[in-house]
Amino acid sequence: MQARRASRELSLVLFSQFDNNIKNYKKENFMSIILKSVRTLVSSAADEVSMSVSELNQLKNEIIEYENNHPDNLSRPIDSINIPVELKLTSDFEAKIDTMLNAADKTLSALDIAELCTLSQQEDVVRYLDLICQNYKNNKEEIDRMIGEFSKGWDINRIFKIDKDILRIAITELVYVKLTPHKVVIDEALELAKKYSTDDSPSFINGILARVVDKNV
């Protein structure tokens, strides 16, 4: 995970905690919120992984039981070792496989969070994070005005909070920070949308950011 990508993701964590009094926040407040948020994420990820391990063990036990009770093994001598049997993909087992895939996704997410926690201590990550946050704090009204203007009639209060925060971060980078190529900023915003928001969010966010670039950059 690159430093600026980590800064954006940490910014998204931070923006989720912002309230209407953001103007009163200082860098020290930002970092305190980030630390608490990352700790919460790590704790949540640990719980998810623990649950995933439990689900996988349950699946393993069900497969063993299926093998033990299969006619091919029930007909064998009692002291013989089971032979492998074909696992029929009934809807029940398909659901169990989906559970296993979900557990793998949770584990990968936990690894991302662990890496993010480590990167949050690096000076270049903190510096870029602070640039995003301070520039948003200083230009909040104008940034939110742009979101409202370019969202084609959508009331900004009706836009998903996560989508607004992704837009706020990207617009801050595009219009005020100006240290990263436009394409990179937009691509990273779309990746955050794919990771954290709805299936429709990337196209919605892409349309707004394209208009921001066209009119303001």
Protein backbone atom coordinates (compact mmCIF):
# COMPACT_ATOMS: atom_id res chain seq x y z
CA MET A 1 0.00 0.00 0.00
CA GLN A 2 1.55 3.29 -1.09
CA ALA A 3 1.88 6.17 1.35
CA ARG A 4 -0.66 8.46 -0.32
CA ARG A 5 -3.13 5.62 -0.79
CA ALA A 6 -2.81 4.93 2.94
CA SER A 7 -3.34 8.66 3.62
CA ARG A 8 -6.55 8.64 1.59
CA GLU A 9 -7.89 5.57 3.35
CA LEU A 10 -7.02 7.01 6.75
CA SER A 11 -8.65 10.27 5.68
CA LEU A 12 -11.82 8.33 4.92
CA VAL A 13 -11.71 6.84 8.41
CA LEU A 14 -11.21 10.31 9.82
CA PHE A 15 -13.91 11.99 7.71
CA SER A 16 -16.42 9.44 8.99
CA GLN A 17 -15.88 10.94 12.45
CA PHE A 18 -16.17 14.59 11.42
CA ASP A 19 -19.10 16.60 12.67
CA ASN A 20 -20.31 20.14 11.99
CA ASN A 21 -17.61 21.54 14.25
CA ILE A 22 -14.74 20.50 11.99
CA LYS A 23 -13.55 24.13 11.91
CA ASN A 24 -12.51 23.73 15.55
CA TYR A 25 -10.34 20.68 14.93
CA LYS A 26 -6.57 20.92 14.98
CA LYS A 27 -3.91 18.47 13.81
CA GLU A 28 -3.71 17.00 17.28
CA ASN A 29 -7.45 16.30 17.15
CA PHE A 30 -7.09 14.67 13.75
CA MET A 31 -4.37 12.29 14.92
CA SER A 32 -6.20 11.42 18.12
CA ILE A 33 -9.32 10.49 16.14
CA ILE A 34 -7.26 8.48 13.65
CA LEU A 35 -5.56 6.54 16.44
CA LYS A 36 -8.87 5.72 18.11
CA SER A 37 -10.48 4.81 14.78
CA VAL A 38 -7.64 2.54 13.69
CA ARG A 39 -7.70 0.80 17.06
CA THR A 40 -11.41 0.24 16.62
CA LEU A 41 -10.87 -1.12 13.10
CA VAL A 42 -8.12 -3.48 14.27
CA SER A 43 -10.30 -4.74 17.12
CA SER A 44 -13.22 -5.24 14.75
CA ALA A 45 -10.98 -7.03 12.23
CA ALA A 46 -9.68 -9.35 14.97
CA ASP A 47 -13.27 -10.23 15.88
CA GLU A 48 -14.10 -10.86 12.21
CA VAL A 49 -11.08 -13.15 11.75
CA SER A 50 -11.95 -15.05 14.92
CA MET A 51 -15.49 -15.53 13.63
CA SER A 52 -14.13 -16.58 10.24
CA VAL A 53 -11.90 -19.24 11.82
CA SER A 54 -14.91 -20.56 13.71
CA GLU A 55 -16.95 -20.71 10.50
CA LEU A 56 -14.14 -22.53 8.68
CA ASN A 57 -13.77 -25.07 11.49
CA GLN A 58 -17.50 -25.70 11.39
CA LEU A 59 -17.33 -26.25 7.65
CA LYS A 60 -14.39 -28.62 8.07
CA ASN A 61 -16.29 -30.65 10.66
CA GLU A 62 -19.34 -30.88 8.42
CA ILE A 63 -17.19 -32.12 5.53
CA ILE A 64 -15.57 -34.74 7.79
CA GLU A 65 -18.99 -35.85 8.97
CA TYR A 66 -20.21 -36.00 5.38
CA GLU A 67 -17.25 -38.21 4.47
CA ASN A 68 -17.71 -40.46 7.52
CA ASN A 69 -21.39 -41.04 6.75
CA HIS A 70 -20.96 -41.52 3.02
CA PRO A 71 -22.14 -45.00 1.88
CA ASP A 72 -18.68 -45.75 0.42
CA ASN A 73 -17.11 -45.37 3.87
CA LEU A 74 -19.95 -46.85 5.93
CA SER A 75 -19.51 -50.10 4.00
CA ARG A 76 -15.79 -50.32 4.82
CA PRO A 77 -14.34 -52.22 7.81
CA ILE A 78 -14.73 -50.27 11.06
CA ASP A 79 -10.98 -49.87 11.64
CA SER A 80 -10.15 -48.78 8.10
CA ILE A 81 -9.24 -45.26 7.05
CA ASN A 82 -11.85 -43.30 5.13
CA ILE A 83 -11.42 -43.02 1.41
CA PRO A 84 -11.98 -39.66 -0.31
CA VAL A 85 -15.51 -39.28 -1.63
CA GLU A 86 -17.04 -36.94 -4.15
CA LEU A 87 -18.45 -33.82 -2.56
CA LYS A 88 -21.76 -33.02 -4.18
CA LEU A 89 -22.34 -29.29 -4.49
CA THR A 90 -25.82 -29.13 -3.07
CA SER A 91 -27.23 -25.72 -2.25
CA ASP A 92 -26.25 -26.35 1.38
CA PHE A 93 -22.59 -26.89 0.54
CA GLU A 94 -22.60 -24.00 -1.92
CA ALA A 95 -23.76 -21.80 0.95
CA LYS A 96 -20.93 -23.16 3.10
CA ILE A 97 -18.41 -22.38 0.37
CA ASP A 98 -19.80 -18.84 0.18
CA THR A 99 -19.22 -18.61 3.93
CA MET A 100 -15.63 -19.72 3.43
CA LEU A 101 -15.06 -17.13 0.70
CA ASN A 102 -16.56 -14.48 2.94
CA ALA A 103 -14.20 -15.55 5.72
CA ALA A 104 -11.25 -15.20 3.34
CA ASP A 105 -12.39 -11.68 2.39
CA LYS A 106 -12.61 -10.72 6.06
CA THR A 107 -9.11 -12.04 6.66
CA LEU A 108 -7.71 -10.05 3.74
CA SER A 109 -9.47 -6.94 5.03
CA ALA A 110 -7.91 -7.51 8.42
CA LEU A 111 -4.48 -7.68 6.82
CA ASP A 112 -5.18 -4.38 5.04
CA ILE A 113 -6.15 -2.78 8.34
CA ALA A 114 -3.02 -4.09 10.05
CA GLU A 115 -0.91 -2.59 7.26
CA LEU A 116 -2.87 0.66 7.48
CA CYS A 117 -2.24 0.81 11.22
CA THR A 118 1.50 0.45 10.64
CA LEU A 119 1.55 3.04 7.86
CA SER A 120 -0.39 5.51 10.02
CA GLN A 121 2.80 5.97 12.04
CA GLN A 122 4.94 6.94 9.04
CA GLU A 123 5.81 10.61 8.68
CA ASP A 124 5.01 10.89 4.95
CA VAL A 125 1.60 9.28 5.47
CA VAL A 126 0.79 11.60 8.37
CA ARG A 127 1.99 14.65 6.42
CA TYR A 128 -0.22 13.95 3.40
CA LEU A 129 -3.14 13.04 5.63
CA ASP A 130 -2.77 16.37 7.40
CA LEU A 131 -2.66 18.20 4.05
CA ILE A 132 -5.97 16.63 3.03
CA CYS A 133 -7.65 17.29 6.37
CA GLN A 134 -6.46 20.87 6.83
CA ASN A 135 -7.32 21.83 3.26
CA TYR A 136 -10.77 20.32 3.62
CA LYS A 137 -11.26 22.08 6.95
CA ASN A 138 -10.31 25.42 5.39
CA ASN A 139 -12.48 24.96 2.29
CA LYS A 140 -15.37 22.81 3.49
CA GLU A 141 -18.17 25.08 2.30
CA GLU A 142 -16.76 25.47 -1.22
CA ILE A 143 -16.03 21.74 -1.55
CA ASP A 144 -19.54 20.79 -0.46
CA ARG A 145 -20.93 23.45 -2.80
CA MET A 146 -19.11 21.77 -5.71
CA ILE A 147 -20.51 18.37 -4.75
CA GLY A 148 -24.02 19.85 -4.75
CA GLU A 149 -23.47 21.72 -8.02
CA PHE A 150 -22.07 18.78 -9.96
CA SER A 151 -24.29 16.01 -8.61
CA LYS A 152 -27.05 16.81 -11.13
CA GLY A 153 -29.84 17.84 -8.84
CA TRP A 154 -29.05 15.51 -5.97
CA ASP A 155 -29.56 17.09 -2.55
CA ILE A 156 -26.15 16.78 -0.88
CA ASN A 157 -27.90 15.63 2.29
CA ARG A 158 -29.31 12.63 0.39
CA ILE A 159 -25.94 11.41 -0.88
CA PHE A 160 -24.51 8.48 1.07
CA LYS A 161 -22.13 9.73 3.77
CA ILE A 162 -19.34 7.43 2.54
CA ASP A 163 -19.73 8.77 -1.02
CA LYS A 164 -19.68 12.37 0.18
CA ASP A 165 -16.52 11.72 2.15
CA ILE A 166 -14.80 10.06 -0.82
CA LEU A 167 -15.76 13.06 -2.96
CA ARG A 168 -14.57 15.50 -0.31
CA ILE A 169 -11.16 13.85 -0.14
CA ALA A 170 -10.76 13.67 -3.92
CA ILE A 171 -11.92 17.26 -4.53
CA THR A 172 -9.61 18.50 -1.79
CA GLU A 173 -6.71 16.79 -3.56
CA LEU A 174 -7.72 17.94 -7.04
CA VAL A 175 -8.48 21.59 -6.31
CA TYR A 176 -6.41 22.49 -3.25
CA VAL A 177 -3.56 20.04 -2.55
CA LYS A 178 -2.60 19.55 -6.23
CA LEU A 179 0.32 17.16 -5.61
CA THR A 180 -1.02 14.09 -7.38
CA PRO A 181 -2.04 13.66 -11.06
CA HIS A 182 -5.78 14.01 -11.66
CA LYS A 183 -6.13 10.49 -13.03
CA VAL A 184 -4.48 8.97 -9.99
CA VAL A 185 -6.72 10.91 -7.59
CA ILE A 186 -9.87 9.88 -9.47
CA ASP A 187 -8.78 6.25 -9.82
CA GLU A 188 -8.03 6.06 -6.09
CA ALA A 189 -11.43 7.58 -5.28
CA LEU A 190 -13.13 4.95 -7.43
CA GLU A 191 -11.18 2.19 -5.67
CA LEU A 192 -12.35 3.47 -2.30
CA ALA A 193 -15.93 3.52 -3.61
CA LYS A 194 -15.64 -0.07 -4.87
CA LYS A 195 -14.20 -1.18 -1.56
CA TYR A 196 -16.51 0.63 0.83
CA SER A 197 -19.68 1.74 -0.95
CA THR A 198 -22.40 0.51 -3.29
CA ASP A 199 -22.11 -0.89 -6.82
CA ASP A 200 -23.52 2.37 -8.24
CA SER A 201 -21.15 4.63 -6.32
CA PRO A 202 -18.07 4.47 -8.60
CA SER A 203 -19.93 5.76 -11.66
CA PHE A 204 -21.70 8.44 -9.58
CA ILE A 205 -18.40 9.61 -8.07
CA ASN A 206 -16.57 9.44 -11.40
CA GLY A 207 -19.16 11.70 -13.04
CA ILE A 208 -18.89 14.36 -10.35
CA LEU A 209 -15.08 14.33 -10.28
CA ALA A 210 -14.91 14.60 -14.07
CA ARG A 211 -17.02 17.77 -13.86
CA VAL A 212 -14.85 19.12 -11.04
CA VAL A 213 -11.73 18.66 -13.17
CA ASP A 214 -13.39 20.21 -16.19
CA LYS A 215 -14.60 23.30 -14.35
CA ASN A 216 -12.07 23.91 -11.60
CA VAL A 217 -8.69 22.33 -12.41
